[in-house]
C-alpha atoms as a PDB file:
ATOM      1  CA  MET A   1     220.092 225.500 175.034  1.00  0.00           C
ATOM      2  CA  ARG A   2     223.092 223.464 175.117  1.00  0.00           C
ATOM      3  CA  THR A   3     223.844 222.293 178.711  1.00  0.00           C
ATOM      4  CA  THR A   4     227.423 222.997 178.791  1.00  0.00           C
ATOM      5  CA  GLY A   5     228.120 220.363 175.799  1.00  0.00           C
ATOM      6  CA  LYS A   6     225.851 217.773 176.554  1.00  0.00           C
ATOM      7  CA  ARG A   7     223.322 216.978 174.198  1.00  0.00           C
ATOM      8  CA  SER A   8     219.785 218.506 174.664  1.00  0.00           C
ATOM      9  CA  THR A   9     217.011 216.652 175.809  1.00  0.00           C
ATOM     10  CA  LEU A  10     213.331 216.203 174.630  1.00  0.00           C
ATOM     11  CA  LEU A  11     212.833 218.493 178.259  1.00  0.00           C
ATOM     12  CA  ASP A  12     215.396 220.672 177.348  1.00  0.00           C
ATOM     13  CA  ARG A  13     214.113 221.787 173.842  1.00  0.00           C
ATOM     14  CA  ILE A  14     210.578 221.796 175.237  1.00  0.00           C
ATOM     15  CA  PHE A  15     211.518 224.350 177.866  1.00  0.00           C
ATOM     16  CA  GLU A  16     213.764 226.644 175.349  1.00  0.00           C
ATOM     17  CA  ILE A  17     210.511 226.354 172.804  1.00  0.00           C
ATOM     18  CA  SER A  18     208.230 227.340 175.821  1.00  0.00           C
ATOM     19  CA  ILE A  19     210.470 230.201 177.856  1.00  0.00           C
ATOM     20  CA  SER A  20     210.782 231.208 173.628  1.00  0.00           C
ATOM     21  CA  LEU A  21     206.907 231.833 173.716  1.00  0.00           C
ATOM     22  CA  LYS A  22     207.029 233.935 176.655  1.00  0.00           C
ATOM     23  CA  GLY A  23     210.101 235.929 175.198  1.00  0.00           C
ATOM     24  CA  LEU A  24     207.820 236.809 171.817  1.00  0.00           C
ATOM     25  CA  ASP A  25     204.865 237.453 174.540  1.00  0.00           C
ATOM     26  CA  GLY A  26     207.315 240.396 176.037  1.00  0.00           C
ATOM     27  CA  LEU A  27     208.529 241.405 173.010  1.00  0.00           C
ATOM     28  CA  LEU A  28     204.502 241.792 171.680  1.00  0.00           C
ATOM     29  CA  GLU A  29     204.051 243.440 175.301  1.00  0.00           C
ATOM     30  CA  VAL A  30     206.059 245.732 174.891  1.00  0.00           C
ATOM     31  CA  VAL A  31     205.074 246.717 171.049  1.00  0.00           C
ATOM     32  CA  GLY A  32     201.863 247.425 172.510  1.00  0.00           C
ATOM     33  CA  GLY A  33     203.071 249.192 175.424  1.00  0.00           C
ATOM     34  CA  ILE A  34     204.969 251.417 173.303  1.00  0.00           C
ATOM     35  CA  LEU A  35     201.936 252.032 171.081  1.00  0.00           C
ATOM     36  CA  LEU A  36     199.464 252.501 173.691  1.00  0.00           C
ATOM     37  CA  LEU A  37     201.854 255.329 174.919  1.00  0.00           C
ATOM     38  CA  LEU A  38     201.880 256.466 171.122  1.00  0.00           C
ATOM     39  CA  LEU A  39     197.958 256.597 170.775  1.00  0.00           C
ATOM     40  CA  SER A  40     195.457 258.810 172.043  1.00  0.00           C
ATOM     41  CA  PRO A  41     192.127 256.892 173.583  1.00  0.00           C
ATOM     42  CA  ALA A  42     190.001 258.367 171.037  1.00  0.00           C
ATOM     43  CA  ARG A  43     192.854 256.850 168.554  1.00  0.00           C
ATOM     44  CA  LEU A  44     192.799 253.932 170.020  1.00  0.00           C
ATOM     45  CA  THR A  45     188.896 253.982 169.677  1.00  0.00           C
ATOM     46  CA  SER A  46     188.902 255.016 165.709  1.00  0.00           C
ATOM     47  CA  ILE A  47     191.634 252.019 165.384  1.00  0.00           C
ATOM     48  CA  ILE A  48     188.985 249.354 166.804  1.00  0.00           C
ATOM     49  CA  THR A  49     185.964 251.114 165.210  1.00  0.00           C
ATOM     50  CA  LEU A  50     187.715 250.892 161.927  1.00  0.00           C
ATOM     51  CA  VAL A  51     188.893 247.306 162.320  1.00  0.00           C
ATOM     52  CA  THR A  52     186.053 245.824 163.589  1.00  0.00           C
ATOM     53  CA  GLN A  53     184.094 247.557 160.783  1.00  0.00           C
ATOM     54  CA  HIS A  54     183.475 244.568 158.479  1.00  0.00           C
ATOM     55  CA  GLU A  55     183.387 241.520 161.117  1.00  0.00           C
ATOM     56  CA  LEU A  56     180.376 243.881 162.637  1.00  0.00           C
ATOM     57  CA  SER A  57     179.067 244.150 159.088  1.00  0.00           C
ATOM     58  CA  GLN A  58     178.591 240.681 158.626  1.00  0.00           C
ATOM     59  CA  ASP A  59     177.572 239.558 162.132  1.00  0.00           C
ATOM     60  CA  PRO A  60     175.954 242.554 163.865  1.00  0.00           C
ATOM     61  CA  HIS A  61     176.499 240.856 167.446  1.00  0.00           C
ATOM     62  CA  ASP A  62     179.900 239.048 166.723  1.00  0.00           C
ATOM     63  CA  PHE A  63     181.108 238.289 170.591  1.00  0.00           C
ATOM     64  CA  ILE A  64     184.967 239.602 170.596  1.00  0.00           C
ATOM     65  CA  ALA A  65     183.620 242.564 168.117  1.00  0.00           C
ATOM     66  CA  THR A  66     181.000 244.248 170.499  1.00  0.00           C
ATOM     67  CA  HIS A  67     183.222 243.530 173.284  1.00  0.00           C
ATOM     68  CA  LEU A  68     185.852 245.135 171.691  1.00  0.00           C
ATOM     69  CA  LEU A  69     184.271 248.158 170.565  1.00  0.00           C
ATOM     70  CA  THR A  70     182.449 248.631 173.714  1.00  0.00           C
ATOM     71  CA  TYR A  71     185.836 248.396 175.840  1.00  0.00           C
ATOM     72  CA  ALA A  72     187.036 251.115 173.448  1.00  0.00           C
ATOM     73  CA  HIS A  73     184.447 253.320 173.779  1.00  0.00           C
ATOM     74  CA  THR A  74     184.922 253.535 177.993  1.00  0.00           C
ATOM     75  CA  LEU A  75     188.633 254.602 177.372  1.00  0.00           C
ATOM     76  CA  SER A  76     190.295 257.260 179.250  1.00  0.00           C
ATOM     77  CA  ALA A  77     193.764 258.581 179.736  1.00  0.00           C
ATOM     78  CA  SER A  78     194.530 256.966 182.714  1.00  0.00           C
ATOM     79  CA  VAL A  79     193.747 253.644 182.107  1.00  0.00           C
ATOM     80  CA  VAL A  80     195.683 253.560 178.600  1.00  0.00           C
ATOM     81  CA  LEU A  81     198.411 255.278 180.215  1.00  0.00           C
ATOM     82  CA  PHE A  82     197.791 252.246 183.340  1.00  0.00           C
ATOM     83  CA  ALA A  83     197.981 249.471 180.339  1.00  0.00           C
ATOM     84  CA  ALA A  84     201.257 250.926 178.903  1.00  0.00           C
ATOM     85  CA  VAL A  85     203.034 251.105 181.627  1.00  0.00           C
ATOM     86  CA  TYR A  86     201.614 247.519 182.679  1.00  0.00           C
ATOM     87  CA  LEU A  87     202.637 246.119 179.433  1.00  0.00           C
ATOM     88  CA  LEU A  88     205.852 247.642 179.060  1.00  0.00           C
ATOM     89  CA  ALA A  89     207.159 246.653 182.651  1.00  0.00           C
ATOM     90  CA  HIS A  90     205.986 242.956 182.239  1.00  0.00           C
ATOM     91  CA  GLY A  91     207.046 242.780 178.650  1.00  0.00           C
ATOM     92  CA  ILE A  92     210.738 244.217 179.545  1.00  0.00           C
ATOM     93  CA  VAL A  93     211.119 241.503 182.858  1.00  0.00           C
ATOM     94  CA  LYS A  94     209.602 239.108 180.535  1.00  0.00           C
ATOM     95  CA  ILE A  95     212.982 239.411 177.854  1.00  0.00           C
ATOM     96  CA  VAL A  96     215.303 240.105 180.583  1.00  0.00           C
ATOM     97  CA  LEU A  97     214.473 236.631 182.252  1.00  0.00           C
ATOM     98  CA  VAL A  98     214.003 235.055 178.879  1.00  0.00           C
ATOM     99  CA  VAL A  99     217.400 236.209 177.186  1.00  0.00           C
ATOM    100  CA  ALA A 100     219.207 235.338 180.911  1.00  0.00           C
ATOM    101  CA  LEU A 101     217.659 231.916 180.597  1.00  0.00           C
ATOM    102  CA  LEU A 102     218.479 231.012 177.101  1.00  0.00           C
ATOM    103  CA  LYS A 103     222.124 232.023 178.921  1.00  0.00           C
ATOM    104  CA  GLU A 104     221.417 229.603 181.321  1.00  0.00           C
ATOM    105  CA  GLN A 105     222.659 232.179 184.112  1.00  0.00           C
ATOM    106  CA  LEU A 106     221.602 230.735 187.196  1.00  0.00           C
ATOM    107  CA  TRP A 107     220.291 233.893 189.132  1.00  0.00           C
ATOM    108  CA  ALA A 108     217.473 233.964 186.607  1.00  0.00           C
ATOM    109  CA  TYR A 109     215.720 230.533 187.361  1.00  0.00           C
ATOM    110  CA  PRO A 110     214.284 231.378 190.832  1.00  0.00           C
ATOM    111  CA  TRP A 111     213.686 235.227 189.496  1.00  0.00           C
ATOM    112  CA  THR A 112     211.293 233.819 186.778  1.00  0.00           C
ATOM    113  CA  ILE A 113     209.668 231.189 189.347  1.00  0.00           C
ATOM    114  CA  GLY A 114     209.071 234.276 191.436  1.00  0.00           C
ATOM    115  CA  PHE A 115     207.614 236.336 188.507  1.00  0.00           C
ATOM    116  CA  LEU A 116     205.480 233.827 186.916  1.00  0.00           C
ATOM    117  CA  VAL A 117     204.298 232.455 190.275  1.00  0.00           C
ATOM    118  CA  ILE A 118     203.138 236.158 191.441  1.00  0.00           C
ATOM    119  CA  PHE A 119     201.483 236.107 187.675  1.00  0.00           C
ATOM    120  CA  ILE A 120     199.577 232.997 188.513  1.00  0.00           C
ATOM    121  CA  LEU A 121     198.171 234.341 191.646  1.00  0.00           C
ATOM    122  CA  TYR A 122     196.878 237.303 189.807  1.00  0.00           C
ATOM    123  CA  GLN A 123     195.637 235.511 186.585  1.00  0.00           C
ATOM    124  CA  VAL A 124     193.475 233.311 189.498  1.00  0.00           C
ATOM    125  CA  TYR A 125     192.298 235.723 190.982  1.00  0.00           C
ATOM    126  CA  ARG A 126     191.300 237.751 187.502  1.00  0.00           C
ATOM    127  CA  ILE A 127     189.808 234.107 186.620  1.00  0.00           C
ATOM    128  CA  ILE A 128     187.601 233.872 190.045  1.00  0.00           C
ATOM    129  CA  LEU A 129     185.955 237.372 189.116  1.00  0.00           C
ATOM    130  CA  HIS A 130     185.323 236.435 185.786  1.00  0.00           C
ATOM    131  CA  VAL A 131     186.051 233.125 183.787  1.00  0.00           C
ATOM    132  CA  SER A 132     187.652 233.638 181.150  1.00  0.00           C
ATOM    133  CA  VAL A 133     189.069 230.761 178.547  1.00  0.00           C
ATOM    134  CA  TRP A 134     191.939 232.394 177.458  1.00  0.00           C
ATOM    135  CA  LEU A 135     193.006 233.375 180.536  1.00  0.00           C
ATOM    136  CA  ILE A 136     192.504 229.902 181.857  1.00  0.00           C
ATOM    137  CA  VAL A 137     194.793 228.724 179.354  1.00  0.00           C
ATOM    138  CA  LEU A 138     197.623 231.479 179.526  1.00  0.00           C
ATOM    139  CA  THR A 139     197.364 229.907 183.537  1.00  0.00           C
ATOM    140  CA  VAL A 140     198.064 226.603 182.572  1.00  0.00           C
ATOM    141  CA  PHE A 141     200.511 227.465 180.226  1.00  0.00           C
ATOM    142  CA  ASP A 142     202.469 230.206 182.807  1.00  0.00           C
ATOM    143  CA  CYS A 143     202.116 226.629 185.336  1.00  0.00           C
ATOM    144  CA  PHE A 144     203.855 224.593 182.725  1.00  0.00           C
ATOM    145  CA  ILE A 145     206.645 226.585 182.124  1.00  0.00           C
ATOM    146  CA  VAL A 146     206.909 227.405 186.118  1.00  0.00           C
ATOM    147  CA  LEU A 147     207.126 223.269 186.410  1.00  0.00           C
ATOM    148  CA  LEU A 148     209.897 222.936 183.535  1.00  0.00           C
ATOM    149  CA  THR A 149     211.871 226.445 185.324  1.00  0.00           C
ATOM    150  CA  VAL A 150     212.025 224.144 188.336  1.00  0.00           C
ATOM    151  CA  LEU A 151     213.800 220.646 186.479  1.00  0.00           C
ATOM    152  CA  GLU A 152     215.637 223.109 184.419  1.00  0.00           C
ATOM    153  CA  TYR A 153     217.098 224.764 187.656  1.00  0.00           C
ATOM    154  CA  ARG A 154     217.578 221.865 189.763  1.00  0.00           C
ATOM    155  CA  LYS A 155     219.459 219.541 186.922  1.00  0.00           C
ATOM    156  CA  HIS A 156     221.627 222.738 186.627  1.00  0.00           C
ATOM    157  CA  LEU A 157     222.251 222.882 190.416  1.00  0.00           C
ATOM    158  CA  GLN A 158     223.224 219.490 190.708  1.00  0.00           C
ATOM    159  CA  GLN A 159     225.618 219.442 187.498  1.00  0.00           C
ATOM    160  CA  GLN A 160     227.509 222.173 189.385  1.00  0.00           C
ATOM    161  CA  ARG A 161     227.565 219.929 192.529  1.00  0.00           C
ATOM    162  CA  VAL A 162     229.051 216.820 190.793  1.00  0.00           C
ATOM    163  CA  PRO A 163     232.347 217.578 189.197  1.00  0.00           C
ATOM    164  CA  SER A 164     232.777 216.629 185.813  1.00  0.00           C
ATOM    165  CA  THR A 165     233.708 212.913 184.745  1.00  0.00           C
ATOM    166  CA  THR A 166     235.594 214.094 181.975  1.00  0.00           C
ATOM    167  CA  GLY A 167     237.426 216.660 183.730  1.00  0.00           C
ATOM    168  CA  ILE A 168     238.558 213.246 186.276  1.00  0.00           C
ATOM    169  CA  VAL A 169     239.422 211.247 183.863  1.00  0.00           C
ATOM    170  CA  ALA A 170     242.165 214.023 181.957  1.00  0.00           C
ATOM    171  CA  GLN A 171     243.438 214.876 185.458  1.00  0.00           C
ATOM    172  CA  ARG A 172     243.960 211.667 186.603  1.00  0.00           C
ATOM    173  CA  THR A 173     245.560 210.530 183.089  1.00  0.00           C
ATOM    174  CA  GLU A 174     247.707 214.126 183.417  1.00  0.00           C
ATOM    175  CA  GLU A 175     248.853 212.340 187.005  1.00  0.00           C
ATOM    176  CA  GLY A 176     249.606 209.294 185.493  1.00  0.00           C
ATOM    177  CA  LYS A 177     252.316 210.627 183.194  1.00  0.00           C
END
């Protein structure tokens, strides 16, 4: 992300990388949502069984594998449909906002901030119900992205308010001729 002809700062690069990671996450969510729409709960259960089989043969008490398998057996068509729609909607919104941010479209900054704050609140609610290290890490990362987005948005707003000094110098040079 280049800011109107000026060199990128370290903060700009961190923002660009963080937002790109969110875009990649959105893309993975869309792919996951499509897969969920295409696969029946029985097929998902058999895939999860196949994927966890090797790990469970080595360690029958493997935390992740046993939880995945237990969860797979509780899948119903309505749960899979809800998860698919959720992933598709969430992923598409992320992709649209990330592309708009990378193109430095000002409307995307407040929408991104609002979108992330809503999900941060939901994630905090989920953490309160059931502590999850992964969800805590995701929430901290989302808070970091909100902070970076606010800083970038302020910078862009300030650049709009302050006229370019190169334009003023060029205008005065033309007037002096």
